[in-house]
Protein backbone atom coordinates (compact mmCIF):
# COMPACT_ATOMS: atom_id res chain seq x y z
CA MET A 1 -27.93 51.26 76.77
CA ILE A 2 -28.89 48.22 78.78
CA PRO A 3 -32.56 48.00 79.79
CA VAL A 4 -33.16 48.86 83.44
CA ARG A 5 -35.52 45.93 83.97
CA CYS A 6 -35.96 42.55 82.33
CA PHE A 7 -38.68 42.68 79.68
CA SER A 8 -40.26 39.42 80.83
CA CYS A 9 -40.08 39.27 84.62
CA GLY A 10 -39.34 42.87 85.61
CA LYS A 11 -36.19 42.16 87.66
CA VAL A 12 -33.71 45.04 87.83
CA ILE A 13 -30.67 44.02 85.77
CA ALA A 14 -29.00 47.29 84.74
CA SER A 15 -27.13 47.57 88.03
CA SER A 16 -25.26 44.34 87.21
CA TRP A 17 -24.17 45.32 83.70
CA ASP A 18 -20.92 47.15 84.54
CA GLU A 19 -19.58 44.35 86.73
CA TYR A 20 -20.69 41.70 84.23
CA LYS A 21 -18.94 43.51 81.39
CA ARG A 22 -15.76 44.05 83.40
CA ARG A 23 -15.50 40.47 84.65
CA THR A 24 -16.21 38.87 81.27
CA LYS A 25 -13.66 41.16 79.63
CA ASP A 26 -11.10 39.91 82.17
CA GLY A 27 -11.73 36.37 80.93
CA GLU A 28 -14.23 34.94 83.42
CA ASP A 29 -16.95 32.57 82.28
CA PRO A 30 -20.16 34.55 81.57
CA ALA A 31 -22.35 31.85 83.13
CA GLN A 32 -20.37 31.91 86.38
CA VAL A 33 -20.42 35.72 86.50
CA MET A 34 -24.21 35.79 86.11
CA ASP A 35 -24.58 33.15 88.83
CA ASP A 36 -22.42 35.24 91.18
CA LEU A 37 -24.49 38.35 90.42
CA GLY A 38 -27.74 36.53 91.17
CA ILE A 39 -29.04 36.55 87.61
CA THR A 40 -30.49 33.05 87.39
CA ARG A 41 -33.59 33.37 85.20
CA TYR A 42 -33.24 32.63 81.50
CA CYS A 43 -35.06 35.79 80.50
CA CYS A 44 -32.62 38.01 82.41
CA ARG A 45 -29.57 36.08 81.23
CA ARG A 46 -30.74 36.46 77.64
CA ILE A 47 -30.69 40.24 77.91
CA LEU A 48 -27.15 40.37 79.30
CA LEU A 49 -25.77 37.85 76.82
CA SER A 50 -27.32 39.41 73.75
CA HIS A 51 -26.81 43.09 74.60
CA VAL A 52 -24.60 45.10 72.22
CA GLU A 53 -23.60 48.65 73.09
CA LEU A 54 -24.33 50.79 70.05
CA VAL A 55 -24.29 54.20 71.72
CA ASP A 56 -20.65 54.91 70.83
CA THR A 57 -21.15 53.63 67.29
CA LEU A 58 -24.27 55.68 66.58
CA ALA A 59 -23.35 58.89 68.42
CA PRO A 60 -21.46 60.51 65.48
CA TYR A 61 -24.59 60.29 63.31
CA GLN A 62 -26.83 62.45 65.49
């Protein structure tokens, strides 16, 4: 689950996650996708780049 807001600056970033994931999966450059989505701060970019979806992996163990 992607955080709703950036931990450092408080900008809403969760609304951009689905499009970011789709476009990078299609082969686009992650830096260009984030620029197009308006995510320009390093703190916000860090969250999108380093996020790993573990929900599907951990769900069977509940």
